[in-house]
Structures are given as C-alpha cells and as structure tokens.
Amino acid sequence: MAADPVSTPVSTPASASPLVAAPPSESASAAASSDSDAPPHSTPSRSVPRPAPSPGYDSVPVTGWGRTAPTSAHLVRPRSYEEAVAAVRECGAPGRRGGIARGLGRAYGDAAQNAGGAVLDMTGLDRIHAIDASAGTVLCDAGVSLHRLMEVLLPLGWFVPVTPGTRYVTVGGAIGADIHGKNHHVSGSFSRHVLALELLTADGQVHIVERGSELFDATAGGMGLTGIILTATIQLLPVETSLMSVDTERAADLDDLMARLTATDDQYRYSVAWIDLLARGASLGRSVLTRGDHAPLDALPSRRRRSPLSFRPGRLPAAPSFLPEGLLGRTTVGAFNELWFRKAPKSRVGELQKLSTFFHPLDGVPHWNRIYGRSGFVQYQFVVGYGAEDSLRRIVQRISDRRCPSFLAVLKRFGEADPGWLSFPMPGWTLALDIPANLPGLGSFLDELDEDVAAAGGRVYLAKDCRLRPELLSSMYPRLTDFRALRARLDPRGVFRSDLSRRLEL
C-alpha cells in the first residue's frame, strides 16, 4: 500500500462548492465560531449562500426496492450544495409537505418516499474530495456509492469498512440507515467508522457533526430525518488483495447452525448463513454457512499476484421489466432451496472468491427485484438478543409452518450495539427474509411476528420496513423518546419528512 503521508486529492470540477474544499481537520478551528442556535454538539460549517434560482422538480411515482406502496412526490435533483440548501428551504415553505433525501433507492420500504412532498435525489453530489493513503481515510460527498469507493480505493489497498448485500448504496444512505454487513460481530455498523460528517439541517445551515455527539448518534440510523448528509469522512480497512478466502459448510438444522456460529464465529471477520425456511421437521432451519476474510497476498497463485487488487465485477443481463406473478411460489422456491443446499459442500476451506461473489452476488443481475413481479416483495428483518434462542426457534418454526416462499433468507450474529439512537443492530441473532408481497394473509402474519419480536426484546429494521405499527416502536427502540425530542428542537416545522416518519410518528 502507498505510504505517502500527504492526503491525495481526487480531481473535482472547478466549479465545486467551497463547502468541503478543506479537509475535516479544520473542524477544530471552526469550532471556535459556534453559535447558540447550532444543533447540540455540532459545529457550524462554512456558510452556503442562497442561490438565485430554485432547483427544478418533477412529480413522479416513487417506491422502495421492494416495489410496494408507491407514492407520488416532487423529485428534486440538486447538483450543488447551494441547490441542496435552496431545496431544503423550499421544502420548509408554508403549505409544503417537507422533503427527504434519497440515494440509489435500495431501501426496501418507504424510508425514502414522501407522498405529496419532495424527494431529494442526492446522487448528483458524488465527488471524492480527498484520500489519505497513509491513514486510510476518505472524504467524499454523501452521494458517492460504495461501488465507486471500491473502484477508487481497492487499487490503493483499502476497502470500505462495512458493506451490506449490495454495493449500490450511497454513503449518505449507509449512514442514514446505519447499514451493517457480514462483519458486524467484529466491526459494528457503518457509522462506527465515520469520523465526521457535514449535515444540512432544516434551518438551511450546514454543520460539521463529529462522532460521539448527540446529533451524530441521532443521524446514524436516523433515516434522513435529522437533515441531509452532504459529506462524510470515513476510516477504511487495509487489504492486500481484492479476493476473499472463504470457508463453507452445511448445517443440518437451526440448532446445529447456531452452535457452529457460537463456537467459531470469532475466528472470521465475515460470517453469514443462508437458511432454508421451507425445511421442516428434523431439517428445520438447515443452512449453508459461509465465512471468510480478505485473502493475503501469499494466498494467491503466482499468476494472480500480478494484479492482486484488481476489481472487475461481472454483470449478467438485467431482469425483464415484466415477469409473471407467482414465479417465486412455494414449488419453485422449494426446488431452488433443495438444490442450493445439496450443491453446497459439506465442508470446504480456503476457496478464493471475488469480492463481488462473496459480498454482492445479486448485484450481478441488474434490477433483480423485478423477479417478484408487479406486486413486489417485502423484506422482513428482525433481531432478538442472545438468550432469546427459543424465540428465534419459534419464529423460524412459524415461518416454516406458514410455508413462506423465501429463497433469500440469511441468519447472522450481531456484536456490540452501535451508538445510533435508531441503529438497528444489538447483540443477538438477526434473520432477514424476502417474501412475495402478494402472499395471502402476509400483513397479518407479519404483524404477529412483530409481536413475537417485541415480546422477546428485539426489533425490526426500519430501513427495510414498510408496515410496522407505531405502537410497537418504543419498545423496540429505547432511545425513541430522545430522538423525537431532538427532532422537535432541530426541526420544529417538520421540514424533513417521509412516508416512514408519518407512519411511525417519528
């Protein structure tokens, strides 16, 4: 890896706003000018003038990645920080229904929708401003995708500290949802690796928000409701290659799986289990467990050592725009699950895999969410704590008895809870599953699972939710009262709103 101690600037347009022209180390000097109207524990950043023109917008239907419950909103596409400020001021005008930031649209539910209001597409603000190749940090716009960061950083020997099951999420979305990955038991969520961020608040001011502050903890996992993230400084992970060393094994049932994870998960940086939720009887919860770490250079064959950090993820043709309803029914999913389990090795160690194969297999199929048909799908994810294994077994049993046709179902272990007030992970077991939205009786069934999760002291992941009842939220998220109080102080007019915030009374 490069040892140059000087931060390496990445080229930006000459017209770039001065908002982030300086590295985040200037936060300390800027702190001296803090004013009494600043959000709690934040530092006012460089001022952004109000521009003469207002950004244009179109009224369009907007939905989450699950393609359920679309609503119409005014789509605003800021191309500069000044336009973002103007858009926020417009969202707060009398008679408006507020606004919410949106990245690449990978939130499954209604977190980035705002019926009758504005949705701010932040992907136009996508510059990488500076890379410190010695310290392993990057300063970038919130509209930069994890895919772009990998393209730029891997050749320098650095990798993003946390990645979910898709690399097509923005940095702003990663912080707002406080995403987690296969390494939470070791590394925590994404925001744990964010050193500072710049936040555009409801009053049109931009503030430098540092890790450990109240505003930072409310923003990490706050679903975009504290303001619009403009930039972030991220601590990276050093790697020697762009390959993974992967161990795979089969688990006969849920208890076997949990025993294997408990006994040896601390030996791996990354760990995840695909679980067959249609299996029954003695095979209930049978799984394929996949764990690994970044391959060291000496693990590569000689021919691959010539370009150990190359990153060339492949792509298949996109899923068709129309697929028949019921394609992923119990019969087809049952056959797929049987094949997937049988073809997995009983035990295999040290297999070299591409990063894209290990972390993001579905990214190789553009628009894969279309395979569920026009009705879309619901991704349901919950976590219950260690010691609540009986509750997890009961829930898995109920899903199996209900014959929910899910071929995308994974179980992981979470480590220490993250400081974000609405951050999802807590120490325990998390199960995520995709279910066709047109499954009869699905809503009432998931309502019952919500009750089971809440009774076990667990919670549902808001970034994937589109249907949770608000009365369960406070029991799932103990810092909810603090979050609402800070929101009331920071945004008394409700400038930042979403379909999710209205539904859950956030």
Protein backbone atom coordinates (compact mmCIF):
# COMPACT_ATOMS: atom_id res chain seq x y z
CA MET A 1 0.00 0.00 0.00
CA ALA A 2 1.09 3.56 -0.57
CA ALA A 3 2.98 5.16 2.28
CA ASP A 4 2.69 8.77 1.19
CA PRO A 5 1.58 10.69 4.32
CA VAL A 6 0.12 13.51 2.27
CA SER A 7 -3.61 13.39 1.51
CA THR A 8 -4.16 12.67 -2.16
CA PRO A 9 -6.76 14.95 -3.75
CA VAL A 10 -9.16 13.41 -6.25
CA SER A 11 -9.99 15.68 -9.16
CA THR A 12 -13.20 17.67 -8.78
CA PRO A 13 -14.93 20.12 -11.10
CA ALA A 14 -13.56 23.62 -10.99
CA SER A 15 -16.99 24.86 -10.04
CA ALA A 16 -17.18 22.69 -6.93
CA SER A 17 -18.60 24.42 -3.89
CA PRO A 18 -16.06 25.50 -1.23
CA LEU A 19 -18.18 23.72 1.35
CA VAL A 20 -15.76 20.79 1.60
CA ALA A 21 -12.69 22.25 -0.03
CA ALA A 22 -10.73 21.83 3.20
CA PRO A 23 -10.12 18.53 5.00
CA PRO A 24 -12.18 17.71 8.08
CA SER A 25 -9.24 18.59 10.33
CA GLU A 26 -10.48 22.17 10.06
CA SER A 27 -13.37 21.19 12.30
CA ALA A 28 -11.35 22.19 15.34
CA SER A 29 -10.72 25.74 14.17
CA ALA A 30 -14.29 26.12 13.01
CA ALA A 31 -15.50 25.15 16.48
CA ALA A 32 -14.41 28.50 17.82
CA SER A 33 -17.18 30.19 15.86
CA SER A 34 -20.01 28.02 17.24
CA ASP A 35 -23.25 29.94 17.73
CA SER A 36 -26.06 29.38 20.19
CA ASP A 37 -28.54 28.26 17.52
CA ALA A 38 -26.41 25.28 16.48
CA PRO A 39 -27.75 21.77 16.90
CA PRO A 40 -26.47 20.01 20.04
CA HIS A 41 -22.78 19.10 19.89
CA SER A 42 -22.25 20.24 16.32
CA THR A 43 -20.00 22.82 14.70
CA PRO A 44 -21.33 25.34 12.15
CA SER A 45 -19.56 24.74 8.85
CA ARG A 46 -18.69 27.21 6.13
CA SER A 47 -21.69 29.31 5.13
CA VAL A 48 -23.56 28.46 1.95
CA PRO A 49 -25.17 31.44 0.17
CA ARG A 50 -28.74 31.23 -1.04
CA PRO A 51 -28.66 30.98 -4.85
CA ALA A 52 -30.98 32.97 -7.07
CA PRO A 53 -32.53 30.05 -8.99
CA SER A 54 -34.51 27.27 -7.33
CA PRO A 55 -33.85 23.71 -8.49
CA GLY A 56 -36.48 22.27 -10.79
CA TYR A 57 -38.57 19.25 -9.94
CA ASP A 58 -40.87 16.68 -11.47
CA SER A 59 -43.78 14.88 -9.84
CA VAL A 60 -43.14 11.15 -10.18
CA PRO A 61 -44.13 7.88 -8.50
CA VAL A 62 -41.50 6.76 -6.00
CA THR A 63 -41.12 3.37 -4.36
CA GLY A 64 -38.58 1.38 -2.39
CA TRP A 65 -36.53 -1.54 -3.68
CA GLY A 66 -39.34 -3.90 -2.73
CA ARG A 67 -41.61 -2.09 -5.24
CA THR A 68 -44.57 -1.94 -2.86
CA ALA A 69 -46.81 1.03 -1.97
CA PRO A 70 -45.55 3.66 -4.44
CA THR A 71 -46.43 7.28 -3.72
CA SER A 72 -46.01 10.41 -5.83
CA ALA A 73 -43.52 13.11 -4.88
CA HIS A 74 -41.71 16.07 -6.38
CA LEU A 75 -38.30 14.74 -7.40
CA VAL A 76 -35.57 17.33 -6.85
CA ARG A 77 -32.07 16.76 -8.20
CA PRO A 78 -29.55 19.11 -6.57
CA ARG A 79 -26.28 19.42 -8.48
CA SER A 80 -24.52 21.63 -5.95
CA TYR A 81 -24.55 22.30 -2.23
CA GLU A 82 -26.23 25.63 -2.92
CA GLU A 83 -29.06 23.89 -4.74
CA ALA A 84 -29.44 21.46 -1.84
CA VAL A 85 -29.80 24.40 0.57
CA ALA A 86 -32.36 26.03 -1.71
CA ALA A 87 -34.31 22.78 -1.93
CA VAL A 88 -34.43 22.42 1.86
CA ARG A 89 -35.66 26.00 2.27
CA GLU A 90 -38.34 25.33 -0.34
CA CYS A 91 -39.38 22.15 1.49
CA GLY A 92 -39.98 24.21 4.62
CA ALA A 93 -42.15 26.80 2.92
CA PRO A 94 -45.79 27.12 4.08
CA GLY A 95 -48.06 24.55 2.53
CA ARG A 96 -45.24 22.18 1.59
CA ARG A 97 -45.12 18.58 2.80
CA GLY A 98 -41.43 18.59 3.60
CA GLY A 99 -38.68 16.60 1.95
CA ILE A 100 -36.43 13.57 2.41
CA ALA A 101 -33.07 12.68 0.91
CA ARG A 102 -32.76 9.66 -1.38
CA GLY A 103 -29.73 7.86 -2.75
CA LEU A 104 -29.77 4.86 -5.06
CA GLY A 105 -33.16 3.63 -3.88
CA ARG A 106 -32.04 0.43 -2.16
CA ALA A 107 -34.12 0.96 1.00
CA TYR A 108 -36.71 -1.79 0.67
CA GLY A 109 -39.67 0.04 2.22
CA ASP A 110 -40.93 3.62 2.42
CA ALA A 111 -38.00 5.35 4.13
CA ALA A 112 -37.08 7.38 1.02
CA GLN A 113 -40.64 8.18 -0.10
CA ASN A 114 -42.61 11.33 0.72
CA ALA A 115 -46.19 11.37 -0.60
CA GLY A 116 -47.11 14.83 -1.88
CA GLY A 117 -43.81 16.30 -0.74
CA ALA A 118 -40.29 16.43 -2.11
CA VAL A 119 -37.73 13.68 -2.54
CA LEU A 120 -34.19 14.98 -2.96
CA ASP A 121 -32.14 12.75 -5.24
CA MET A 122 -28.64 13.29 -3.84
CA THR A 123 -26.75 11.14 -6.35
CA GLY A 124 -25.70 14.26 -8.28
CA LEU A 125 -23.40 15.19 -5.40
CA ASP A 126 -20.92 12.37 -5.92
CA ARG A 127 -17.38 13.70 -5.70
CA ILE A 128 -14.50 12.08 -3.86
CA HIS A 129 -12.59 15.03 -2.45
CA ALA A 130 -9.53 13.60 -0.72
CA ILE A 131 -7.91 10.27 0.09
CA ASP A 132 -5.26 9.92 2.77
CA ALA A 133 -3.50 6.79 1.57
CA SER A 134 -1.35 6.65 4.68
CA ALA A 135 -4.02 7.00 7.36
CA GLY A 136 -6.64 5.17 5.30
CA THR A 137 -9.35 7.82 5.26
CA VAL A 138 -11.53 9.23 2.52
CA LEU A 139 -13.54 12.46 2.38
CA CYS A 140 -16.40 12.25 -0.10
CA ASP A 141 -19.85 13.52 -0.94
CA ALA A 142 -22.77 11.60 0.52
CA GLY A 143 -23.97 10.76 -2.99
CA VAL A 144 -20.91 8.63 -3.72
CA SER A 145 -21.76 4.92 -3.95
CA LEU A 146 -19.88 2.15 -2.20
CA HIS A 147 -19.28 0.71 -5.67
CA ARG A 148 -17.42 3.87 -6.68
CA LEU A 149 -15.40 3.86 -3.47
CA MET A 150 -14.33 0.28 -4.16
CA GLU A 151 -13.29 1.17 -7.70
CA VAL A 152 -11.11 4.02 -6.45
CA LEU A 153 -9.82 2.63 -3.16
CA LEU A 154 -9.08 -1.03 -3.85
CA PRO A 155 -6.13 -0.27 -6.17
CA LEU A 156 -4.67 1.74 -3.26
CA GLY A 157 -5.02 -1.18 -0.85
CA TRP A 158 -8.12 0.00 1.01
CA PHE A 159 -11.66 -1.32 1.35
CA VAL A 160 -14.87 0.06 2.80
CA PRO A 161 -15.16 -0.88 6.49
CA VAL A 162 -18.71 -2.26 6.18
CA THR A 163 -20.75 -3.29 3.16
CA PRO A 164 -24.29 -4.67 3.02
CA GLY A 165 -25.53 -7.17 0.44
CA THR A 166 -25.31 -4.54 -2.31
CA ARG A 167 -22.57 -2.07 -3.16
CA TYR A 168 -25.10 0.17 -4.91
CA VAL A 169 -25.87 2.27 -1.86
CA THR A 170 -24.66 5.80 -1.24
CA VAL A 171 -22.53 6.92 1.67
CA GLY A 172 -25.40 9.10 2.87
CA GLY A 173 -27.78 6.15 2.76
CA ALA A 174 -25.24 3.96 4.54
CA ILE A 175 -25.11 6.45 7.42
CA GLY A 176 -28.82 7.25 7.48
CA ALA A 177 -29.72 3.55 7.71
CA ASP A 178 -26.53 2.73 9.66
CA ILE A 179 -26.05 -0.29 7.45
CA HIS A 180 -24.43 -3.47 8.68
CA GLY A 181 -22.79 -6.37 6.91
CA LYS A 182 -21.39 -9.82 7.45
CA ASN A 183 -18.78 -8.40 9.84
CA HIS A 184 -20.96 -6.75 12.49
CA HIS A 185 -19.79 -9.18 15.15
CA VAL A 186 -16.28 -7.76 14.58
CA SER A 187 -16.63 -4.27 13.12
CA GLY A 188 -20.08 -2.97 14.02
CA SER A 189 -22.19 -0.85 11.68
CA PHE A 190 -21.07 1.63 9.04
CA SER A 191 -21.39 4.74 11.19
CA ARG A 192 -18.88 3.38 13.69
CA HIS A 193 -16.24 4.10 11.02
CA VAL A 194 -17.44 7.61 10.13
CA LEU A 195 -15.15 10.21 11.72
CA ALA A 196 -17.23 13.28 10.86
CA LEU A 197 -19.94 14.42 8.51
CA GLU A 198 -21.45 17.64 7.23
CA LEU A 199 -25.19 17.91 7.79
CA LEU A 200 -27.62 20.34 6.18
CA THR A 201 -30.29 20.99 8.79
CA ALA A 202 -33.86 22.28 8.50
CA ASP A 203 -32.84 25.91 9.01
CA GLY A 204 -30.66 25.83 5.89
CA GLN A 205 -27.40 25.78 7.83
CA VAL A 206 -24.60 23.28 7.34
CA HIS A 207 -22.90 21.82 10.42
CA ILE A 208 -19.84 19.69 10.94
CA VAL A 209 -21.00 16.82 13.14
CA GLU A 210 -18.38 14.72 14.83
CA ARG A 211 -18.60 11.19 16.09
CA GLY A 212 -19.73 10.92 19.70
CA SER A 213 -22.06 13.91 19.62
CA GLU A 214 -25.81 13.71 20.19
CA LEU A 215 -26.54 14.88 16.67
CA PHE A 216 -24.22 12.27 15.21
CA ASP A 217 -25.90 9.49 17.18
CA ALA A 218 -29.35 10.72 16.12
CA THR A 219 -28.27 10.91 12.47
CA ALA A 220 -26.65 7.45 12.40
CA GLY A 221 -29.66 5.27 11.70
CA GLY A 222 -31.97 8.31 11.82
CA MET A 223 -33.38 7.55 8.35
CA GLY A 224 -32.60 11.03 7.00
CA LEU A 225 -34.85 12.80 9.50
CA THR A 226 -32.21 14.99 11.18
CA GLY A 227 -31.09 16.58 7.91
CA ILE A 228 -29.30 15.92 4.65
CA ILE A 229 -25.80 14.49 4.85
CA LEU A 230 -23.56 16.33 2.40
CA THR A 231 -20.12 14.85 3.06
CA ALA A 232 -18.50 12.23 5.27
CA THR A 233 -15.00 11.28 6.33
CA ILE A 234 -14.62 7.52 6.60
CA GLN A 235 -11.97 5.31 8.16
CA LEU A 236 -11.09 2.47 5.76
CA LEU A 237 -9.91 -1.13 6.09
CA PRO A 238 -6.46 -2.12 4.72
CA VAL A 239 -6.39 -5.11 2.36
CA GLU A 240 -3.64 -6.82 0.35
CA THR A 241 -5.84 -8.28 -2.37
CA SER A 242 -9.28 -7.99 -3.90
CA LEU A 243 -10.06 -11.64 -3.23
CA MET A 244 -11.66 -13.40 -0.29
CA SER A 245 -10.55 -16.60 1.41
CA VAL A 246 -13.82 -18.42 2.10
CA ASP A 247 -14.82 -21.44 4.20
CA THR A 248 -18.17 -23.09 3.52
CA GLU A 249 -20.03 -25.78 5.47
CA ARG A 250 -23.52 -27.17 5.76
CA ALA A 251 -25.54 -27.14 8.98
CA ALA A 252 -28.16 -29.84 9.41
CA ASP A 253 -30.70 -27.69 11.28
CA LEU A 254 -31.13 -24.42 13.16
CA ASP A 255 -29.59 -25.67 16.41
CA ASP A 256 -26.58 -27.03 14.53
CA LEU A 257 -26.19 -23.68 12.79
CA MET A 258 -26.34 -21.63 15.99
CA ALA A 259 -23.85 -23.96 17.67
CA ARG A 260 -21.36 -23.60 14.81
CA LEU A 261 -21.73 -19.81 14.76
CA THR A 262 -21.35 -19.51 18.52
CA ALA A 263 -18.30 -21.76 18.66
CA THR A 264 -16.17 -20.34 15.86
CA ASP A 265 -17.52 -17.01 14.59
CA ASP A 266 -14.76 -15.10 16.37
CA GLN A 267 -12.25 -16.76 14.02
CA TYR A 268 -13.67 -14.93 11.00
CA ARG A 269 -14.12 -11.29 10.03
CA TYR A 270 -17.16 -12.09 7.88
CA SER A 271 -19.89 -14.62 8.56
CA VAL A 272 -23.36 -15.32 7.15
CA ALA A 273 -25.68 -18.30 6.76
CA TRP A 274 -28.23 -18.89 4.03
CA ILE A 275 -31.16 -20.61 5.71
CA ASP A 276 -33.88 -22.79 4.17
CA LEU A 277 -37.12 -21.51 5.70
CA LEU A 278 -39.23 -24.08 3.85
CA ALA A 279 -37.44 -27.01 5.52
CA ARG A 280 -39.45 -28.82 8.16
CA GLY A 281 -39.17 -31.49 10.82
CA ALA A 282 -35.63 -32.60 11.64
CA SER A 283 -34.28 -30.32 8.90
CA LEU A 284 -35.90 -27.14 10.25
CA GLY A 285 -33.51 -24.26 9.63
CA ARG A 286 -30.95 -26.25 7.66
CA SER A 287 -28.33 -23.86 6.34
CA VAL A 288 -25.23 -23.19 4.31
CA LEU A 289 -22.70 -21.29 6.42
CA THR A 290 -20.19 -19.09 4.58
CA ARG A 291 -17.36 -17.32 6.39
CA GLY A 292 -14.14 -15.69 5.37
CA ASP A 293 -11.66 -12.85 5.35
CA HIS A 294 -9.70 -10.79 2.86
CA ALA A 295 -7.12 -13.06 1.27
CA PRO A 296 -3.48 -12.15 1.99
CA LEU A 297 -1.12 -11.77 -0.94
CA ASP A 298 0.72 -15.02 -0.24
CA ALA A 299 -2.56 -16.97 -0.55
CA LEU A 300 -2.86 -16.08 -4.24
CA PRO A 301 -1.43 -18.26 -7.01
CA SER A 302 1.50 -16.65 -8.77
CA ARG A 303 -0.47 -15.65 -11.87
CA ARG A 304 -2.96 -13.66 -9.77
CA ARG A 305 -0.26 -11.81 -7.83
CA ARG A 306 0.46 -9.63 -10.88
CA SER A 307 -2.73 -7.62 -10.24
CA PRO A 308 -3.84 -8.57 -6.71
CA LEU A 309 -6.05 -5.51 -6.22
CA SER A 310 -7.97 -5.51 -9.49
CA PHE A 311 -11.72 -5.05 -9.16
CA ARG A 312 -13.81 -6.16 -12.14
CA PRO A 313 -17.23 -7.38 -11.01
CA GLY A 314 -19.16 -9.07 -13.80
CA ARG A 315 -22.78 -8.42 -14.70
CA LEU A 316 -25.48 -10.55 -16.27
CA PRO A 317 -28.36 -9.24 -18.41
CA ALA A 318 -30.95 -7.28 -16.47
CA ALA A 319 -34.09 -8.98 -15.23
CA PRO A 320 -37.02 -8.35 -17.61
CA SER A 321 -39.28 -5.42 -16.80
CA PHE A 322 -42.28 -7.74 -16.61
CA LEU A 323 -42.34 -11.18 -15.05
CA PRO A 324 -45.47 -13.16 -14.23
CA GLU A 325 -46.88 -13.12 -10.73
CA GLY A 326 -46.25 -16.27 -8.73
CA LEU A 327 -42.93 -17.10 -10.39
CA LEU A 328 -41.40 -17.45 -6.92
CA GLY A 329 -44.06 -19.64 -5.35
CA ARG A 330 -43.66 -22.47 -2.88
CA THR A 331 -42.92 -25.06 -5.56
CA THR A 332 -40.19 -23.14 -7.38
CA VAL A 333 -38.61 -21.78 -4.21
CA GLY A 334 -38.76 -25.21 -2.59
CA ALA A 335 -36.94 -26.72 -5.57
CA PHE A 336 -34.36 -23.93 -5.53
CA ASN A 337 -33.73 -24.31 -1.80
CA GLU A 338 -33.27 -28.07 -2.14
CA LEU A 339 -30.79 -27.61 -4.98
CA TRP A 340 -28.91 -24.82 -3.20
CA PHE A 341 -28.48 -26.86 -0.04
CA ARG A 342 -27.47 -30.05 -1.83
CA LYS A 343 -24.92 -28.42 -4.11
CA ALA A 344 -23.14 -26.71 -1.21
CA PRO A 345 -20.07 -28.58 0.04
CA LYS A 346 -20.37 -30.29 3.40
CA SER A 347 -17.08 -28.63 4.24
CA ARG A 348 -14.64 -26.62 2.15
CA VAL A 349 -11.88 -24.28 3.33
CA GLY A 350 -9.75 -21.61 1.73
CA GLU A 351 -11.66 -21.11 -1.50
CA LEU A 352 -10.67 -17.89 -3.25
CA GLN A 353 -13.67 -15.82 -4.33
CA LYS A 354 -14.08 -12.40 -5.91
CA LEU A 355 -15.29 -9.66 -3.61
CA SER A 356 -18.43 -9.33 -5.71
CA THR A 357 -19.17 -13.06 -5.42
CA PHE A 358 -18.77 -13.11 -1.65
CA PHE A 359 -20.44 -9.82 -0.75
CA HIS A 360 -22.79 -8.84 -3.59
CA PRO A 361 -23.89 -11.81 -5.72
CA LEU A 362 -27.24 -10.22 -6.62
CA ASP A 363 -25.57 -7.05 -7.92
CA GLY A 364 -24.56 -9.13 -10.92
CA VAL A 365 -28.22 -9.15 -12.03
CA PRO A 366 -29.42 -5.58 -12.66
CA HIS A 367 -32.98 -4.96 -11.45
CA TRP A 368 -33.17 -8.34 -9.76
CA ASN A 369 -36.06 -7.01 -7.68
CA ARG A 370 -38.29 -7.43 -10.75
CA ILE A 371 -38.30 -11.21 -10.37
CA TYR A 372 -41.13 -10.92 -7.82
CA GLY A 373 -43.48 -9.47 -10.43
CA ARG A 374 -45.55 -6.30 -10.31
CA SER A 375 -46.68 -6.85 -6.72
CA GLY A 376 -43.12 -6.65 -5.44
CA PHE A 377 -41.83 -8.15 -2.23
CA VAL A 378 -41.34 -7.44 1.44
CA GLN A 379 -38.00 -7.91 3.11
CA TYR A 380 -38.57 -8.61 6.79
CA GLN A 381 -35.58 -8.36 9.11
CA PHE A 382 -35.51 -8.55 12.88
CA VAL A 383 -33.03 -9.17 15.68
CA VAL A 384 -33.52 -10.87 19.04
CA GLY A 385 -30.88 -10.90 21.76
CA TYR A 386 -28.63 -13.69 22.90
CA GLY A 387 -30.60 -15.72 25.39
CA ALA A 388 -33.73 -15.47 23.22
CA GLU A 389 -32.86 -18.51 21.10
CA ASP A 390 -36.19 -20.14 21.94
CA SER A 391 -37.97 -17.13 20.47
CA LEU A 392 -35.88 -17.40 17.31
CA ARG A 393 -36.74 -21.09 17.01
CA ARG A 394 -40.45 -20.36 17.40
CA ILE A 395 -40.35 -17.67 14.73
CA VAL A 396 -38.46 -19.91 12.30
CA GLN A 397 -40.98 -22.67 13.02
CA ARG A 398 -43.89 -20.30 12.34
CA ILE A 399 -42.37 -19.16 9.05
CA SER A 400 -41.82 -22.77 8.02
CA ASP A 401 -45.36 -23.75 9.02
CA ARG A 402 -46.73 -20.78 7.07
CA ARG A 403 -44.78 -22.01 4.01
CA CYS A 404 -43.41 -18.58 3.17
CA PRO A 405 -41.57 -18.98 -0.16
CA SER A 406 -38.30 -17.18 0.62
CA PHE A 407 -35.15 -18.08 -1.28
CA LEU A 408 -33.27 -15.05 0.06
CA ALA A 409 -33.08 -15.72 3.78
CA VAL A 410 -29.97 -15.20 5.90
CA LEU A 411 -29.07 -15.53 9.57
CA LYS A 412 -26.19 -13.65 11.20
CA ARG A 413 -24.82 -12.85 14.63
CA PHE A 414 -24.55 -9.24 15.75
CA GLY A 415 -21.86 -7.92 18.04
CA GLU A 416 -21.88 -4.92 20.36
CA ALA A 417 -24.70 -2.43 19.82
CA ASP A 418 -23.89 0.74 17.92
CA PRO A 419 -24.39 4.20 19.44
CA GLY A 420 -27.00 5.39 16.93
CA TRP A 421 -30.30 6.03 18.71
CA LEU A 422 -32.29 4.28 15.99
CA SER A 423 -29.50 1.99 14.82
CA PHE A 424 -30.86 -1.50 14.26
CA PRO A 425 -28.17 -3.94 15.45
CA MET A 426 -27.99 -5.19 19.03
CA PRO A 427 -26.11 -8.22 20.37
CA GLY A 428 -28.03 -11.24 19.16
CA TRP A 429 -29.37 -13.13 16.17
CA THR A 430 -30.72 -11.38 13.08
CA LEU A 431 -32.84 -13.05 10.43
CA ALA A 432 -33.71 -11.42 7.10
CA LEU A 433 -36.05 -12.91 4.51
CA ASP A 434 -37.68 -11.82 1.26
CA ILE A 435 -41.37 -12.69 0.82
CA PRO A 436 -43.60 -12.03 -2.21
CA ALA A 437 -45.93 -9.17 -1.28
CA ASN A 438 -48.96 -10.90 -2.83
CA LEU A 439 -48.81 -13.86 -0.44
CA PRO A 440 -52.33 -14.16 1.04
CA GLY A 441 -52.56 -13.05 4.65
CA LEU A 442 -48.98 -11.76 4.72
CA GLY A 443 -49.78 -8.50 6.52
CA SER A 444 -51.50 -10.11 9.49
CA PHE A 445 -48.83 -12.82 9.68
CA LEU A 446 -46.02 -10.26 9.86
CA ASP A 447 -47.98 -8.29 12.46
CA GLU A 448 -47.93 -11.43 14.59
CA LEU A 449 -44.19 -11.83 14.07
CA ASP A 450 -43.71 -8.19 15.12
CA GLU A 451 -45.45 -9.01 18.39
CA ASP A 452 -43.20 -12.04 18.90
CA VAL A 453 -40.08 -9.99 18.20
CA ALA A 454 -41.13 -7.18 20.55
CA ALA A 455 -42.04 -9.66 23.31
CA ALA A 456 -38.55 -11.16 23.01
CA GLY A 457 -36.95 -7.71 23.43
CA GLY A 458 -36.00 -7.50 19.78
CA ARG A 459 -36.60 -5.01 16.99
CA VAL A 460 -37.41 -4.69 13.30
CA TYR A 461 -35.04 -2.97 10.84
CA LEU A 462 -36.53 0.37 9.78
CA ALA A 463 -34.53 0.60 6.55
CA LYS A 464 -36.38 -2.46 5.27
CA ASP A 465 -39.75 -1.79 6.86
CA CYS A 466 -42.94 -0.67 5.13
CA ARG A 467 -45.67 -1.83 7.52
CA LEU A 468 -44.68 -1.83 11.23
CA ARG A 469 -47.32 -0.40 13.59
CA PRO A 470 -46.18 2.70 15.53
CA GLU A 471 -47.27 1.42 18.94
CA LEU A 472 -44.51 -1.23 18.87
CA LEU A 473 -41.71 1.17 18.04
CA SER A 474 -40.91 2.48 21.52
CA SER A 475 -40.43 -0.99 22.94
CA MET A 476 -38.09 -1.87 20.09
CA TYR A 477 -36.03 1.35 20.17
CA PRO A 478 -35.43 2.60 23.76
CA ARG A 479 -33.92 5.93 22.59
CA LEU A 480 -37.01 6.81 20.53
CA THR A 481 -38.15 9.49 23.00
CA ASP A 482 -34.73 11.17 22.83
CA PHE A 483 -34.83 11.03 19.04
CA ARG A 484 -38.26 12.64 18.86
CA ALA A 485 -37.22 15.35 21.33
CA LEU A 486 -34.11 16.22 19.35
CA ARG A 487 -36.13 16.29 16.14
CA ALA A 488 -38.63 18.67 17.74
CA ARG A 489 -35.81 21.06 18.69
CA LEU A 490 -33.87 20.73 15.46
CA ASP A 491 -36.77 20.70 13.00
CA PRO A 492 -39.87 22.18 14.69
CA ARG A 493 -41.62 22.78 11.34
CA GLY A 494 -41.15 19.21 10.17
CA VAL A 495 -39.09 20.08 7.10
CA PHE A 496 -37.70 16.55 6.89
CA ARG A 497 -40.49 14.04 6.49
CA SER A 498 -41.07 10.72 4.79
CA ASP A 499 -43.79 8.14 4.41
CA LEU A 500 -42.00 6.12 7.07
CA SER A 501 -41.83 9.07 9.50
CA ARG A 502 -45.55 9.73 9.15
CA ARG A 503 -46.48 6.09 9.52
CA LEU A 504 -44.33 5.57 12.62
CA GLU A 505 -44.87 9.07 14.05
CA LEU A 506 -41.17 9.81 14.11
